[in-house]
């Protein structure tokens, strides 16, 4: 479930990326909501290709809270990926690049994520955008298995 400001920011970001011919997909909690999860959205998660990273950085430079970096800092980290963090009018956005991404499973094994977007067009509260395919999203959420992820899986179903 998105707040009015989250919807406004999502429209702005998706319109900007689309107008600039930047391929992207929604992932994380936003994708789960697109498939029926019934929970508040914490942040907007989007994925892009590495070739568009500099362009995205320039488009949203005034909103950057953390510039492109690999957020892997210690053994407790769950993500090994390149990420750009934004905040627009109080709404946090994480944009990460598809290539060379890994996540740590619940049992501590690193799993390489696909380098290719596989999405379908979905409506999220009146906004049409590309969303990570349900099967991929469920596989990811089962692998990482945080409490919120497991609730999402239960709500969107296998």
Protein backbone atom coordinates (compact mmCIF):
# COMPACT_ATOMS: atom_id res chain seq x y z
CA UNK A 1 0.00 0.00 0.00
CA UNK A 2 1.43 3.31 -1.10
CA UNK A 3 0.92 6.71 0.45
CA UNK A 4 -0.06 9.61 -1.78
CA UNK A 5 3.49 11.02 -1.69
CA UNK A 6 4.97 7.59 -2.57
CA UNK A 7 2.62 7.41 -5.57
CA UNK A 8 3.62 10.90 -6.65
CA UNK A 9 7.33 10.09 -6.41
CA UNK A 10 6.87 6.73 -8.15
CA UNK A 11 5.10 8.48 -11.05
CA UNK A 12 7.88 11.08 -11.26
CA UNK A 13 10.71 8.54 -11.23
CA UNK A 14 9.10 6.07 -13.65
CA UNK A 15 8.14 8.87 -16.04
CA UNK A 16 11.69 10.24 -15.95
CA UNK A 17 13.28 6.84 -16.59
CA UNK A 18 10.81 6.04 -19.37
CA UNK A 19 11.31 9.40 -21.10
CA UNK A 20 15.07 8.86 -20.99
CA UNK A 21 14.75 5.32 -22.46
CA UNK A 22 16.26 3.73 -19.37
CA UNK A 23 15.12 0.15 -18.90
CA UNK A 24 14.18 -0.61 -15.30
CA UNK A 25 12.07 -2.85 -13.15
CA UNK A 26 10.45 -2.53 -9.75
CA UNK A 27 11.58 -5.07 -7.19
CA UNK A 28 11.43 -5.65 -3.42
CA UNK A 29 8.39 -4.52 -1.48
CA UNK A 30 7.02 -2.48 -4.39
CA UNK A 31 6.96 -5.60 -6.57
CA UNK A 32 5.36 -7.59 -3.76
CA UNK A 33 2.61 -4.98 -3.48
CA UNK A 34 2.08 -5.21 -7.25
CA UNK A 35 1.31 -8.91 -6.77
CA UNK A 36 -1.01 -8.45 -3.82
CA UNK A 37 1.05 -8.01 -0.65
CA UNK A 38 -0.90 -5.90 1.82
CA UNK A 39 1.61 -3.89 3.73
CA UNK A 40 2.99 -0.37 3.81
CA UNK A 41 5.84 0.35 1.42
CA UNK A 42 9.10 1.19 3.22
CA UNK A 43 11.06 2.36 0.19
CA UNK A 44 10.96 2.20 -3.60
CA UNK A 45 13.33 -0.42 -5.03
CA UNK A 46 14.24 -0.23 -8.71
CA UNK A 47 16.81 -2.07 -10.80
CA UNK A 48 18.62 -0.78 -13.87
CA UNK A 49 21.46 -1.92 -16.10
CA UNK A 50 25.03 -0.80 -15.40
CA UNK A 51 25.21 0.99 -18.77
CA UNK A 52 22.63 3.49 -17.49
CA UNK A 53 24.16 4.11 -14.05
CA UNK A 54 25.86 7.42 -14.87
CA UNK A 55 22.79 8.73 -16.66
CA UNK A 56 20.56 7.85 -13.70
CA UNK A 57 23.06 9.49 -11.35
CA UNK A 58 22.93 12.71 -13.40
CA UNK A 59 19.12 12.69 -13.68
CA UNK A 60 18.59 12.42 -9.94
CA UNK A 61 21.77 14.14 -8.63
CA UNK A 62 19.86 16.59 -6.42
CA UNK A 63 18.23 13.70 -4.54
CA UNK A 64 21.30 11.51 -3.89
CA UNK A 65 21.85 10.54 -0.25
CA UNK A 66 24.49 7.87 -1.06
CA UNK A 67 26.27 7.85 -4.40
CA UNK A 68 26.90 4.64 -6.33
CA UNK A 69 28.74 2.22 -4.08
CA UNK A 70 28.91 -1.39 -3.16
CA UNK A 71 27.28 -1.43 0.25
CA UNK A 72 29.05 -4.61 1.36
CA UNK A 73 30.67 -3.71 4.67
CA UNK A 74 30.79 -6.74 6.90
CA UNK A 75 29.85 -10.38 7.44
CA UNK A 76 26.32 -9.45 8.56
CA UNK A 77 25.52 -7.77 5.23
CA UNK A 78 22.93 -9.51 3.06
CA UNK A 79 23.54 -7.67 -0.23
CA UNK A 80 26.58 -7.45 -2.49
CA UNK A 81 25.48 -5.00 -5.16
CA UNK A 82 26.02 -1.54 -6.58
CA UNK A 83 23.39 0.83 -5.27
CA UNK A 84 22.43 4.48 -5.55
CA UNK A 85 20.30 5.81 -2.68
CA UNK A 86 17.94 8.72 -3.17
CA UNK A 87 15.43 10.58 -1.08
CA UNK A 88 12.75 12.62 -2.81
CA UNK A 89 10.40 14.61 -0.57
CA UNK A 90 10.98 12.19 2.28
CA UNK A 91 10.53 9.05 0.17
CA UNK A 92 13.62 6.77 0.10
CA UNK A 93 14.53 5.08 -3.19
CA UNK A 94 17.16 2.42 -3.78
CA UNK A 95 18.32 1.98 -7.36
CA UNK A 96 20.68 -0.91 -7.94
CA UNK A 97 22.35 -2.27 -11.01
CA UNK A 98 21.42 -5.73 -12.24
CA UNK A 99 24.87 -7.00 -13.08
CA UNK A 100 27.20 -8.56 -10.53
CA UNK A 101 24.63 -8.69 -7.73
CA UNK A 102 24.61 -11.29 -4.98
CA UNK A 103 22.47 -11.86 -1.94
CA UNK A 104 23.18 -13.89 1.14
CA UNK A 105 20.68 -16.63 1.82
CA UNK A 106 19.23 -17.26 5.26
CA UNK A 107 21.81 -20.03 5.73
CA UNK A 108 24.70 -17.69 4.82
CA UNK A 109 25.46 -18.76 1.25
CA UNK A 110 26.06 -16.08 -1.39
CA UNK A 111 23.79 -16.50 -4.40
CA UNK A 112 24.43 -14.65 -7.66
CA UNK A 113 21.35 -12.90 -9.00
CA UNK A 114 20.33 -12.84 -12.68
CA UNK A 115 21.97 -10.17 -14.85
CA UNK A 116 18.91 -9.84 -17.06
CA UNK A 117 15.63 -8.18 -16.22
CA UNK A 118 12.59 -10.38 -16.50
CA UNK A 119 9.55 -8.27 -15.82
CA UNK A 120 5.93 -7.86 -16.68
CA UNK A 121 3.93 -4.67 -16.89
CA UNK A 122 1.73 -4.27 -13.82
CA UNK A 123 -0.54 -1.60 -12.40
CA UNK A 124 0.31 -0.41 -8.92
CA UNK A 125 -2.37 1.89 -7.59
CA UNK A 126 -2.99 3.40 -11.02
CA UNK A 127 0.67 3.52 -12.10
CA UNK A 128 1.80 1.15 -14.85
CA UNK A 129 5.41 0.04 -14.64
CA UNK A 130 7.67 -2.94 -15.27
CA UNK A 131 7.74 -5.25 -12.25
CA UNK A 132 10.09 -8.14 -11.56
CA UNK A 133 8.38 -11.38 -12.53
CA UNK A 134 6.48 -12.99 -9.69
CA UNK A 135 8.45 -16.26 -9.84
CA UNK A 136 11.78 -14.42 -9.56
CA UNK A 137 10.50 -12.22 -6.76
CA UNK A 138 9.24 -15.20 -4.75
CA UNK A 139 12.52 -17.08 -5.26
CA UNK A 140 14.47 -14.04 -4.04
CA UNK A 141 12.23 -13.48 -1.02
CA UNK A 142 12.38 -17.15 -0.01
CA UNK A 143 16.16 -17.11 -0.33
CA UNK A 144 16.74 -14.07 1.84
CA UNK A 145 13.89 -15.09 4.18
CA UNK A 146 13.61 -12.00 6.37
CA UNK A 147 10.32 -11.78 8.27
CA UNK A 148 8.85 -9.20 5.89
CA UNK A 149 9.90 -11.27 2.88
CA UNK A 150 8.21 -14.39 4.21
CA UNK A 151 5.01 -12.45 4.89
CA UNK A 152 5.16 -11.10 1.31
CA UNK A 153 5.55 -14.62 -0.08
CA UNK A 154 2.59 -15.83 1.96
CA UNK A 155 0.41 -12.93 0.78
CA UNK A 156 1.30 -13.08 -2.91
CA UNK A 157 1.26 -16.88 -3.04
CA UNK A 158 3.38 -19.34 -4.99
